C-alpha atoms as a PDB file:
ATOM      1  CA  UNK A   1      48.695  12.338  57.672  1.00  0.00           C
ATOM      2  CA  UNK A   2      48.938  15.897  57.202  1.00  0.00           C
ATOM      3  CA  UNK A   3      50.148  17.763  60.691  1.00  0.00           C
ATOM      4  CA  UNK A   4      47.124  19.933  60.818  1.00  0.00           C
ATOM      5  CA  UNK A   5      45.397  16.102  61.466  1.00  0.00           C
ATOM      6  CA  UNK A   6      48.375  14.933  63.137  1.00  0.00           C
ATOM      7  CA  UNK A   7      48.912  17.558  65.835  1.00  0.00           C
ATOM      8  CA  UNK A   8      45.303  17.299  67.671  1.00  0.00           C
ATOM      9  CA  UNK A   9      45.686  13.608  67.343  1.00  0.00           C
ATOM     10  CA  UNK A  10      49.022  13.518  69.021  1.00  0.00           C
ATOM     11  CA  UNK A  11      47.687  15.840  72.049  1.00  0.00           C
ATOM     12  CA  UNK A  12      44.456  13.725  72.543  1.00  0.00           C
ATOM     13  CA  UNK A  13      47.163  10.841  72.612  1.00  0.00           C
ATOM     14  CA  UNK A  14      49.217  12.316  75.140  1.00  0.00           C
ATOM     15  CA  UNK A  15      45.992  12.739  77.057  1.00  0.00           C
ATOM     16  CA  UNK A  16      45.019   9.339  77.077  1.00  0.00           C
ATOM     17  CA  UNK A  17      48.458   8.219  78.203  1.00  0.00           C
ATOM     18  CA  UNK A  18      47.990  10.319  81.488  1.00  0.00           C
ATOM     19  CA  UNK A  19      44.357   9.480  81.594  1.00  0.00           C
ATOM     20  CA  UNK A  20      45.799   5.602  81.855  1.00  0.00           C
ATOM     21  CA  UNK A  21      47.211   6.025  85.077  1.00  0.00           C
ATOM     22  CA  UNK A  22      43.935   7.164  86.659  1.00  0.00           C
ATOM     23  CA  UNK A  23      42.167   4.147  85.080  1.00  0.00           C
ATOM     24  CA  UNK A  24      45.096   1.687  86.708  1.00  0.00           C
ATOM     25  CA  UNK A  25      43.866   3.337  90.124  1.00  0.00           C
ATOM     26  CA  UNK A  26      40.089   2.616  89.243  1.00  0.00           C
ATOM     27  CA  UNK A  27      41.012  -1.194  88.353  1.00  0.00           C
ATOM     28  CA  UNK A  28      43.036  -1.820  91.196  1.00  0.00           C
ATOM     29  CA  UNK A  29      39.341  -1.892  92.945  1.00  0.00           C
ATOM     30  CA  UNK A  30      38.774  -5.180  90.734  1.00  0.00           C
ATOM     31  CA  UNK A  31      41.649  -7.667  89.969  1.00  0.00           C
ATOM     32  CA  UNK A  32      45.298  -7.803  91.162  1.00  0.00           C
ATOM     33  CA  UNK A  33      48.508  -6.732  89.517  1.00  0.00           C
ATOM     34  CA  UNK A  34      49.311  -9.780  87.433  1.00  0.00           C
ATOM     35  CA  UNK A  35      45.535 -10.269  86.506  1.00  0.00           C
ATOM     36  CA  UNK A  36      45.613  -6.394  85.229  1.00  0.00           C
ATOM     37  CA  UNK A  37      48.867  -6.566  83.593  1.00  0.00           C
ATOM     38  CA  UNK A  38      48.170  -9.980  81.586  1.00  0.00           C
ATOM     39  CA  UNK A  39      44.653  -8.865  80.382  1.00  0.00           C
ATOM     40  CA  UNK A  40      46.205  -5.352  79.437  1.00  0.00           C
ATOM     41  CA  UNK A  41      49.402  -7.003  77.587  1.00  0.00           C
ATOM     42  CA  UNK A  42      46.753  -9.680  75.968  1.00  0.00           C
ATOM     43  CA  UNK A  43      44.282  -6.939  75.006  1.00  0.00           C
ATOM     44  CA  UNK A  44      47.124  -4.838  73.591  1.00  0.00           C
ATOM     45  CA  UNK A  45      48.402  -7.822  71.472  1.00  0.00           C
ATOM     46  CA  UNK A  46      45.042  -8.495  69.877  1.00  0.00           C
ATOM     47  CA  UNK A  47      44.591  -5.012  68.931  1.00  0.00           C
ATOM     48  CA  UNK A  48      47.825  -4.194  67.586  1.00  0.00           C
ATOM     49  CA  UNK A  49      48.886  -7.250  65.393  1.00  0.00           C
ATOM     50  CA  UNK A  50      45.932  -6.715  63.054  1.00  0.00           C
ATOM     51  CA  UNK A  51      47.482  -3.275  62.856  1.00  0.00           C
ATOM     52  CA  UNK A  52      51.134  -4.912  61.536  1.00  0.00           C
ATOM     53  CA  UNK A  53      49.196  -7.171  59.138  1.00  0.00           C
ATOM     54  CA  UNK A  54      47.043  -4.174  57.520  1.00  0.00           C
ATOM     55  CA  UNK A  55      50.092  -2.055  57.173  1.00  0.00           C
ATOM     56  CA  UNK A  56      51.978  -5.012  55.831  1.00  0.00           C
ATOM     57  CA  UNK A  57      55.121  -4.449  58.242  1.00  0.00           C
ATOM     58  CA  UNK A  58      57.840  -6.922  58.486  1.00  0.00           C
ATOM     59  CA  UNK A  59      57.460  -8.778  61.606  1.00  0.00           C
ATOM     60  CA  UNK A  60      60.614 -11.571  61.203  1.00  0.00           C
ATOM     61  CA  UNK A  61      62.801 -11.394  63.827  1.00  0.00           C
ATOM     62  CA  UNK A  62      66.753 -12.444  64.182  1.00  0.00           C
ATOM     63  CA  UNK A  63      68.026 -13.930  67.076  1.00  0.00           C
ATOM     64  CA  UNK A  64      69.544 -10.670  68.618  1.00  0.00           C
ATOM     65  CA  UNK A  65      66.330  -9.037  68.220  1.00  0.00           C
ATOM     66  CA  UNK A  66      64.426 -12.299  69.663  1.00  0.00           C
ATOM     67  CA  UNK A  67      66.675 -12.103  72.872  1.00  0.00           C
ATOM     68  CA  UNK A  68      66.230  -8.459  73.055  1.00  0.00           C
ATOM     69  CA  UNK A  69      62.144  -8.825  73.099  1.00  0.00           C
ATOM     70  CA  UNK A  70      62.447 -11.630  75.914  1.00  0.00           C
ATOM     71  CA  UNK A  71      64.029  -8.895  78.274  1.00  0.00           C
ATOM     72  CA  UNK A  72      62.309  -6.286  76.738  1.00  0.00           C
ATOM     73  CA  UNK A  73      59.105  -8.433  78.158  1.00  0.00           C
ATOM     74  CA  UNK A  74      60.479  -9.266  81.360  1.00  0.00           C
ATOM     75  CA  UNK A  75      61.416  -5.311  82.244  1.00  0.00           C
ATOM     76  CA  UNK A  76      57.723  -4.634  81.039  1.00  0.00           C
ATOM     77  CA  UNK A  77      56.113  -6.958  83.063  1.00  0.00           C
ATOM     78  CA  UNK A  78      58.121  -5.622  86.087  1.00  0.00           C
ATOM     79  CA  UNK A  79      57.089  -2.146  85.471  1.00  0.00           C
ATOM     80  CA  UNK A  80      53.579  -2.872  85.015  1.00  0.00           C
ATOM     81  CA  UNK A  81      53.678  -4.529  88.396  1.00  0.00           C
ATOM     82  CA  UNK A  82      55.511  -1.843  90.253  1.00  0.00           C
ATOM     83  CA  UNK A  83      53.196   0.752  88.479  1.00  0.00           C
ATOM     84  CA  UNK A  84      50.007  -1.124  89.716  1.00  0.00           C
ATOM     85  CA  UNK A  85      51.536  -1.472  93.259  1.00  0.00           C
ATOM     86  CA  UNK A  86      52.347   2.345  93.096  1.00  0.00           C
ATOM     87  CA  UNK A  87      48.868   3.654  92.010  1.00  0.00           C
ATOM     88  CA  UNK A  88      47.315   0.805  94.300  1.00  0.00           C
ATOM     89  CA  UNK A  89      48.916   2.638  97.190  1.00  0.00           C
ATOM     90  CA  UNK A  90      49.146   6.126  96.184  1.00  0.00           C
ATOM     91  CA  UNK A  91      47.078   8.280  93.548  1.00  0.00           C
ATOM     92  CA  UNK A  92      46.942   7.659  89.823  1.00  0.00           C
ATOM     93  CA  UNK A  93      47.657  11.466  89.489  1.00  0.00           C
ATOM     94  CA  UNK A  94      50.846  11.572  91.418  1.00  0.00           C
ATOM     95  CA  UNK A  95      51.835   8.202  89.508  1.00  0.00           C
ATOM     96  CA  UNK A  96      51.248   9.971  86.155  1.00  0.00           C
ATOM     97  CA  UNK A  97      53.118  12.881  86.994  1.00  0.00           C
ATOM     98  CA  UNK A  98      55.843  11.545  88.881  1.00  0.00           C
ATOM     99  CA  UNK A  99      57.082   8.503  86.430  1.00  0.00           C
ATOM    100  CA  UNK A 100      56.647  10.286  82.978  1.00  0.00           C
ATOM    101  CA  UNK A 101      59.051  13.219  84.385  1.00  0.00           C
ATOM    102  CA  UNK A 102      61.370  10.915  85.671  1.00  0.00           C
ATOM    103  CA  UNK A 103      61.908   8.389  82.827  1.00  0.00           C
ATOM    104  CA  UNK A 104      63.662  10.733  80.604  1.00  0.00           C
ATOM    105  CA  UNK A 105      66.079  12.030  83.492  1.00  0.00           C
ATOM    106  CA  UNK A 106      66.675   8.467  84.378  1.00  0.00           C
ATOM    107  CA  UNK A 107      67.228   7.244  80.791  1.00  0.00           C
ATOM    108  CA  UNK A 108      69.796   9.806  80.061  1.00  0.00           C
ATOM    109  CA  UNK A 109      71.705   8.980  83.227  1.00  0.00           C
ATOM    110  CA  UNK A 110      71.631   5.562  82.380  1.00  0.00           C
ATOM    111  CA  UNK A 111      72.871   6.120  78.969  1.00  0.00           C
ATOM    112  CA  UNK A 112      75.561   8.643  80.207  1.00  0.00           C
ATOM    113  CA  UNK A 113      77.012   5.772  82.132  1.00  0.00           C
ATOM    114  CA  UNK A 114      76.671   2.969  79.778  1.00  0.00           C
ATOM    115  CA  UNK A 115      78.391   5.099  76.809  1.00  0.00           C
ATOM    116  CA  UNK A 116      81.137   6.618  79.428  1.00  0.00           C
ATOM    117  CA  UNK A 117      79.693  10.109  78.101  1.00  0.00           C
ATOM    118  CA  UNK A 118      81.021  13.307  79.833  1.00  0.00           C
ATOM    119  CA  UNK A 119      78.070  15.119  81.289  1.00  0.00           C
ATOM    120  CA  UNK A 120      78.074  18.616  80.232  1.00  0.00           C
ATOM    121  CA  UNK A 121      77.785  21.541  82.527  1.00  0.00           C
ATOM    122  CA  UNK A 122      73.884  22.393  80.695  1.00  0.00           C
ATOM    123  CA  UNK A 123      73.271  19.220  81.302  1.00  0.00           C
ATOM    124  CA  UNK A 124      74.514  18.746  84.709  1.00  0.00           C
ATOM    125  CA  UNK A 125      72.387  21.762  85.469  1.00  0.00           C
ATOM    126  CA  UNK A 126      69.431  20.300  84.389  1.00  0.00           C
ATOM    127  CA  UNK A 127      69.772  17.148  86.019  1.00  0.00           C
ATOM    128  CA  UNK A 128      70.213  18.823  89.398  1.00  0.00           C
ATOM    129  CA  UNK A 129      66.728  20.749  88.175  1.00  0.00           C
ATOM    130  CA  UNK A 130      65.140  17.153  87.352  1.00  0.00           C
ATOM    131  CA  UNK A 131      66.271  16.184  91.055  1.00  0.00           C
ATOM    132  CA  UNK A 132      64.514  19.168  92.779  1.00  0.00           C
ATOM    133  CA  UNK A 133      61.423  18.583  90.910  1.00  0.00           C
ATOM    134  CA  UNK A 134      60.953  14.856  91.575  1.00  0.00           C
ATOM    135  CA  UNK A 135      61.875  16.046  95.654  1.00  0.00           C
ATOM    136  CA  UNK A 136      58.734  18.547  95.396  1.00  0.00           C
ATOM    137  CA  UNK A 137      56.891  15.509  94.000  1.00  0.00           C
ATOM    138  CA  UNK A 138      57.833  13.192  96.957  1.00  0.00           C
ATOM    139  CA  UNK A 139      57.227  15.997  99.462  1.00  0.00           C
ATOM    140  CA  UNK A 140      60.400  16.193 100.759  1.00  0.00           C
ATOM    141  CA  UNK A 141      59.543  19.769 102.886  1.00  0.00           C
ATOM    142  CA  UNK A 142      57.416  17.473 104.997  1.00  0.00           C
ATOM    143  CA  UNK A 143      60.655  16.205 106.433  1.00  0.00           C
ATOM    144  CA  UNK A 144      58.529  13.007 107.369  1.00  0.00           C
ATOM    145  CA  UNK A 145      60.557   9.760 106.535  1.00  0.00           C
ATOM    146  CA  UNK A 146      57.549   7.715 106.384  1.00  0.00           C
ATOM    147  CA  UNK A 147      55.992  10.052 103.531  1.00  0.00           C
ATOM    148  CA  UNK A 148      59.300  10.656 101.603  1.00  0.00           C
ATOM    149  CA  UNK A 149      59.735   6.718 101.792  1.00  0.00           C
ATOM    150  CA  UNK A 150      56.477   5.753 101.342  1.00  0.00           C
ATOM    151  CA  UNK A 151      55.519   2.564  99.451  1.00  0.00           C
ATOM    152  CA  UNK A 152      53.968   4.411  96.722  1.00  0.00           C
ATOM    153  CA  UNK A 153      56.938   7.078  96.257  1.00  0.00           C
ATOM    154  CA  UNK A 154      59.405   3.678  96.236  1.00  0.00           C
ATOM    155  CA  UNK A 155      57.114   1.724  93.797  1.00  0.00           C
ATOM    156  CA  UNK A 156      56.955   4.900  91.296  1.00  0.00           C
ATOM    157  CA  UNK A 157      61.274   5.677  91.349  1.00  0.00           C
ATOM    158  CA  UNK A 158      61.492   1.938  90.382  1.00  0.00           C
ATOM    159  CA  UNK A 159      59.029   1.916  87.448  1.00  0.00           C
ATOM    160  CA  UNK A 160      60.684   5.026  86.492  1.00  0.00           C
ATOM    161  CA  UNK A 161      63.968   2.744  86.408  1.00  0.00           C
ATOM    162  CA  UNK A 162      62.629  -0.492  85.057  1.00  0.00           C
ATOM    163  CA  UNK A 163      61.087   2.010  81.835  1.00  0.00           C
ATOM    164  CA  UNK A 164      64.393   3.782  81.550  1.00  0.00           C
ATOM    165  CA  UNK A 165      66.296   0.163  80.763  1.00  0.00           C
ATOM    166  CA  UNK A 166      63.118  -0.865  78.714  1.00  0.00           C
ATOM    167  CA  UNK A 167      63.727   2.213  76.695  1.00  0.00           C
ATOM    168  CA  UNK A 168      67.517   1.255  76.263  1.00  0.00           C
ATOM    169  CA  UNK A 169      66.791  -2.037  75.173  1.00  0.00           C
ATOM    170  CA  UNK A 170      64.215  -1.213  72.905  1.00  0.00           C
ATOM    171  CA  UNK A 171      66.567   1.348  71.212  1.00  0.00           C
ATOM    172  CA  UNK A 172      68.962  -1.565  70.436  1.00  0.00           C
ATOM    173  CA  UNK A 173      66.325  -3.372  68.501  1.00  0.00           C
ATOM    174  CA  UNK A 174      67.336  -1.515  65.043  1.00  0.00           C
ATOM    175  CA  UNK A 175      66.522  -4.179  62.657  1.00  0.00           C
ATOM    176  CA  UNK A 176      62.384  -3.830  63.567  1.00  0.00           C
ATOM    177  CA  UNK A 177      59.781  -1.606  63.566  1.00  0.00           C
ATOM    178  CA  UNK A 178      59.257  -0.324  67.118  1.00  0.00           C
ATOM    179  CA  UNK A 179      55.900  -0.897  67.014  1.00  0.00           C
ATOM    180  CA  UNK A 180      56.203  -4.438  65.926  1.00  0.00           C
ATOM    181  CA  UNK A 181      58.738  -4.852  68.528  1.00  0.00           C
ATOM    182  CA  UNK A 182      56.534  -3.593  71.452  1.00  0.00           C
ATOM    183  CA  UNK A 183      53.762  -5.846  70.183  1.00  0.00           C
ATOM    184  CA  UNK A 184      56.119  -8.971  70.375  1.00  0.00           C
ATOM    185  CA  UNK A 185      56.672  -7.882  74.215  1.00  0.00           C
ATOM    186  CA  UNK A 186      53.039  -7.706  74.754  1.00  0.00           C
ATOM    187  CA  UNK A 187      52.393 -11.284  73.226  1.00  0.00           C
ATOM    188  CA  UNK A 188      55.522 -12.813  75.142  1.00  0.00           C
ATOM    189  CA  UNK A 189      54.321 -11.023  78.679  1.00  0.00           C
ATOM    190  CA  UNK A 190      50.855 -11.950  78.640  1.00  0.00           C
ATOM    191  CA  UNK A 191      51.776 -15.521  78.058  1.00  0.00           C
ATOM    192  CA  UNK A 192      54.314 -16.009  80.839  1.00  0.00           C
ATOM    193  CA  UNK A 193      51.794 -14.506  83.031  1.00  0.00           C
ATOM    194  CA  UNK A 194      48.804 -16.882  81.961  1.00  0.00           C
ATOM    195  CA  UNK A 195      51.364 -19.978  82.238  1.00  0.00           C
ATOM    196  CA  UNK A 196      52.757 -19.056  85.697  1.00  0.00           C
ATOM    197  CA  UNK A 197      50.633 -16.171  87.487  1.00  0.00           C
ATOM    198  CA  UNK A 198      46.963 -16.081  86.250  1.00  0.00           C
ATOM    199  CA  UNK A 199      44.431 -18.691  86.926  1.00  0.00           C
ATOM    200  CA  UNK A 200      42.387 -19.432  84.047  1.00  0.00           C
ATOM    201  CA  UNK A 201      39.359 -18.536  86.048  1.00  0.00           C
ATOM    202  CA  UNK A 202      40.071 -14.987  85.057  1.00  0.00           C
ATOM    203  CA  UNK A 203      38.025 -15.148  82.291  1.00  0.00           C
ATOM    204  CA  UNK A 204      35.099 -16.107  83.734  1.00  0.00           C
ATOM    205  CA  UNK A 205      35.618 -13.547  86.153  1.00  0.00           C
ATOM    206  CA  UNK A 206      36.069 -10.360  84.154  1.00  0.00           C
ATOM    207  CA  UNK A 207      32.702 -10.837  82.311  1.00  0.00           C
ATOM    208  CA  UNK A 208      30.271 -10.269  85.204  1.00  0.00           C
ATOM    209  CA  UNK A 209      32.181  -6.997  86.052  1.00  0.00           C
ATOM    210  CA  UNK A 210      30.621  -3.683  85.211  1.00  0.00           C
ATOM    211  CA  UNK A 211      31.097  -1.362  82.842  1.00  0.00           C
ATOM    212  CA  UNK A 212      33.183   1.112  84.862  1.00  0.00           C
ATOM    213  CA  UNK A 213      35.664  -1.785  84.887  1.00  0.00           C
ATOM    214  CA  UNK A 214      35.579  -2.459  81.071  1.00  0.00           C
ATOM    215  CA  UNK A 215      35.343   1.355  80.113  1.00  0.00           C
ATOM    216  CA  UNK A 216      38.817   1.639  82.418  1.00  0.00           C
ATOM    217  CA  UNK A 217      40.299  -1.225  80.669  1.00  0.00           C
ATOM    218  CA  UNK A 218      39.428   0.311  77.390  1.00  0.00           C
ATOM    219  CA  UNK A 219      41.362   3.313  78.084  1.00  0.00           C
ATOM    220  CA  UNK A 220      44.344   1.448  79.251  1.00  0.00           C
ATOM    221  CA  UNK A 221      44.387  -0.693  76.140  1.00  0.00           C
ATOM    222  CA  UNK A 222      43.057   0.480  73.122  1.00  0.00           C
ATOM    223  CA  UNK A 223      43.099   4.092  73.839  1.00  0.00           C
ATOM    224  CA  UNK A 224      46.017   4.700  75.325  1.00  0.00           C
ATOM    225  CA  UNK A 225      48.366   1.812  74.135  1.00  0.00           C
ATOM    226  CA  UNK A 226      46.949   0.843  70.247  1.00  0.00           C
ATOM    227  CA  UNK A 227      45.454   4.255  69.501  1.00  0.00           C
ATOM    228  CA  UNK A 228      47.927   6.680  71.244  1.00  0.00           C
ATOM    229  CA  UNK A 229      51.210   4.285  70.943  1.00  0.00           C
ATOM    230  CA  UNK A 230      50.139   4.198  67.199  1.00  0.00           C
ATOM    231  CA  UNK A 231      49.910   7.859  66.589  1.00  0.00           C
ATOM    232  CA  UNK A 232      53.350   8.303  68.457  1.00  0.00           C
ATOM    233  CA  UNK A 233      55.131   5.757  66.210  1.00  0.00           C
ATOM    234  CA  UNK A 234      53.834   7.237  63.604  1.00  0.00           C
ATOM    235  CA  UNK A 235      54.714  10.865  64.174  1.00  0.00           C
ATOM    236  CA  UNK A 236      58.099   9.375  65.559  1.00  0.00           C
ATOM    237  CA  UNK A 237      58.801   7.872  62.459  1.00  0.00           C
ATOM    238  CA  UNK A 238      57.632  11.166  60.043  1.00  0.00           C
ATOM    239  CA  UNK A 239      58.491  13.977  61.944  1.00  0.00           C
ATOM    240  CA  UNK A 240      61.560  12.746  64.432  1.00  0.00           C
ATOM    241  CA  UNK A 241      61.352  11.444  68.042  1.00  0.00           C
ATOM    242  CA  UNK A 242      62.958  14.537  69.269  1.00  0.00           C
ATOM    243  CA  UNK A 243      60.292  16.875  68.395  1.00  0.00           C
ATOM    244  CA  UNK A 244      57.598  14.667  68.528  1.00  0.00           C
ATOM    245  CA  UNK A 245      58.562  13.915  72.286  1.00  0.00           C
ATOM    246  CA  UNK A 246      57.751  17.289  73.113  1.00  0.00           C
ATOM    247  CA  UNK A 247      54.447  16.384  73.281  1.00  0.00           C
ATOM    248  CA  UNK A 248      55.001  13.815  76.456  1.00  0.00           C
ATOM    249  CA  UNK A 249      55.225  17.251  78.340  1.00  0.00           C
ATOM    250  CA  UNK A 250      51.291  16.955  78.355  1.00  0.00           C
ATOM    251  CA  UNK A 251      50.939  13.374  80.093  1.00  0.00           C
ATOM    252  CA  UNK A 252      51.739  14.631  83.672  1.00  0.00           C
ATOM    253  CA  UNK A 253      49.213  17.267  83.457  1.00  0.00           C
ATOM    254  CA  UNK A 254      46.676  15.453  81.982  1.00  0.00           C
ATOM    255  CA  UNK A 255      46.755  13.057  84.439  1.00  0.00           C
ATOM    256  CA  UNK A 256      46.959  15.712  87.524  1.00  0.00           C
ATOM    257  CA  UNK A 257      43.574  17.214  85.758  1.00  0.00           C
ATOM    258  CA  UNK A 258      42.320  13.818  85.261  1.00  0.00           C
ATOM    259  CA  UNK A 259      42.968  12.334  88.576  1.00  0.00           C
ATOM    260  CA  UNK A 260      41.027  15.651  90.269  1.00  0.00           C
ATOM    261  CA  UNK A 261      38.054  15.531  88.033  1.00  0.00           C
ATOM    262  CA  UNK A 262      37.411  11.579  88.550  1.00  0.00           C
ATOM    263  CA  UNK A 263      38.657  10.744  91.474  1.00  0.00           C
ATOM    264  CA  UNK A 264      39.030  13.549  93.709  1.00  0.00           C
ATOM    265  CA  UNK A 265      42.521  13.129  94.029  1.00  0.00           C
ATOM    266  CA  UNK A 266      43.783  16.313  96.031  1.00  0.00           C
ATOM    267  CA  UNK A 267      46.485  18.262  93.652  1.00  0.00           C
ATOM    268  CA  UNK A 268      49.181  18.983  95.925  1.00  0.00           C
ATOM    269  CA  UNK A 269      51.319  22.125  95.152  1.00  0.00           C
ATOM    270  CA  UNK A 270      54.473  20.467  95.681  1.00  0.00           C
ATOM    271  CA  UNK A 271      53.459  17.987  92.879  1.00  0.00           C
ATOM    272  CA  UNK A 272      52.902  21.240  90.400  1.00  0.00           C
ATOM    273  CA  UNK A 273      56.259  22.824  91.150  1.00  0.00           C
ATOM    274  CA  UNK A 274      58.197  19.352  90.742  1.00  0.00           C
ATOM    275  CA  UNK A 275      56.655  18.771  87.733  1.00  0.00           C
ATOM    276  CA  UNK A 276      57.144  22.266  86.835  1.00  0.00           C
ATOM    277  CA  UNK A 277      60.994  21.964  87.095  1.00  0.00           C
ATOM    278  CA  UNK A 278      61.137  18.199  85.778  1.00  0.00           C
ATOM    279  CA  UNK A 279      59.945  19.272  82.598  1.00  0.00           C
ATOM    280  CA  UNK A 280      62.931  22.194  82.391  1.00  0.00           C
ATOM    281  CA  UNK A 281      65.228  19.318  82.836  1.00  0.00           C
ATOM    282  CA  UNK A 282      63.826  17.397  80.172  1.00  0.00           C
ATOM    283  CA  UNK A 283      63.519  20.273  77.881  1.00  0.00           C
ATOM    284  CA  UNK A 284      67.291  20.866  78.404  1.00  0.00           C
ATOM    285  CA  UNK A 285      68.273  17.290  78.328  1.00  0.00           C
ATOM    286  CA  UNK A 286      66.563  16.794  75.123  1.00  0.00           C
ATOM    287  CA  UNK A 287      67.458  20.064  73.115  1.00  0.00           C
ATOM    288  CA  UNK A 288      63.722  20.522  72.803  1.00  0.00           C
ATOM    289  CA  UNK A 289      62.525  23.435  70.954  1.00  0.00           C
ATOM    290  CA  UNK A 290      58.931  24.056  70.881  1.00  0.00           C
ATOM    291  CA  UNK A 291      59.284  27.377  68.717  1.00  0.00           C
ATOM    292  CA  UNK A 292      60.934  25.547  66.240  1.00  0.00           C
ATOM    293  CA  UNK A 293      58.763  22.808  66.078  1.00  0.00           C
ATOM    294  CA  UNK A 294      55.711  24.813  65.734  1.00  0.00           C
ATOM    295  CA  UNK A 295      57.123  27.200  63.105  1.00  0.00           C
ATOM    296  CA  UNK A 296      57.334  23.764  60.911  1.00  0.00           C
ATOM    297  CA  UNK A 297      53.683  23.435  60.507  1.00  0.00           C
END
């Protein structure tokens, strides 16, 4: 795949990632958290497994990788449930702006602590900027404890921490393709949810749902996961994870815009300012260079 084709595809993929937050908000009107996570993980597995077979990816597991997949599955389920509760009580646009902005910052902090790494002055400045951005997103200026520590803010913060842990776990799985690793987590996560938390009546239940339900389910599974994740992993493998990660900056913006257009969610000025500062922080923490990236086209 040439860069001329890859660039528009990765941009579309990031828009789908942002849209998945808005679609999750819509789906809270139909099913509960466990049902949504089960359906999402199950459909993603069914759509991703054929890709592994078609591309002849190695799907064999050693014991260490299997253990990592078990832990990753646990944190993936917890993340998805907290994501659901966050958008159920809050807005999809805030979640889509806040969580993707916080994940790289929290991941950097966790890795620094685990590796006992000294944080440089430049990166310390970036973390301060990131913290300032997040405080703006949770509307710190209202000085209202109920708003600052509202359910959706807490759920989004916890979700960000869970995904950061999931990212670190996934990074330890060096003996297996990341796409294959993720597919296994979807299989285990959906299986556990079905056996312990989801009633078998879910299958007859969803058949009667309208086109709105299935359209949004299609967005959070086939478009934002199978398609978008595949494009992202392809780009990371061919062009480098650091450079491709630059496009993640599009996720918060797309979530805010889509939420405003389709759900009439109010765009708070504090959220826009918060995203702006968080993006600068991520830019510094990852030593990204947009000019360098696009010069390679």
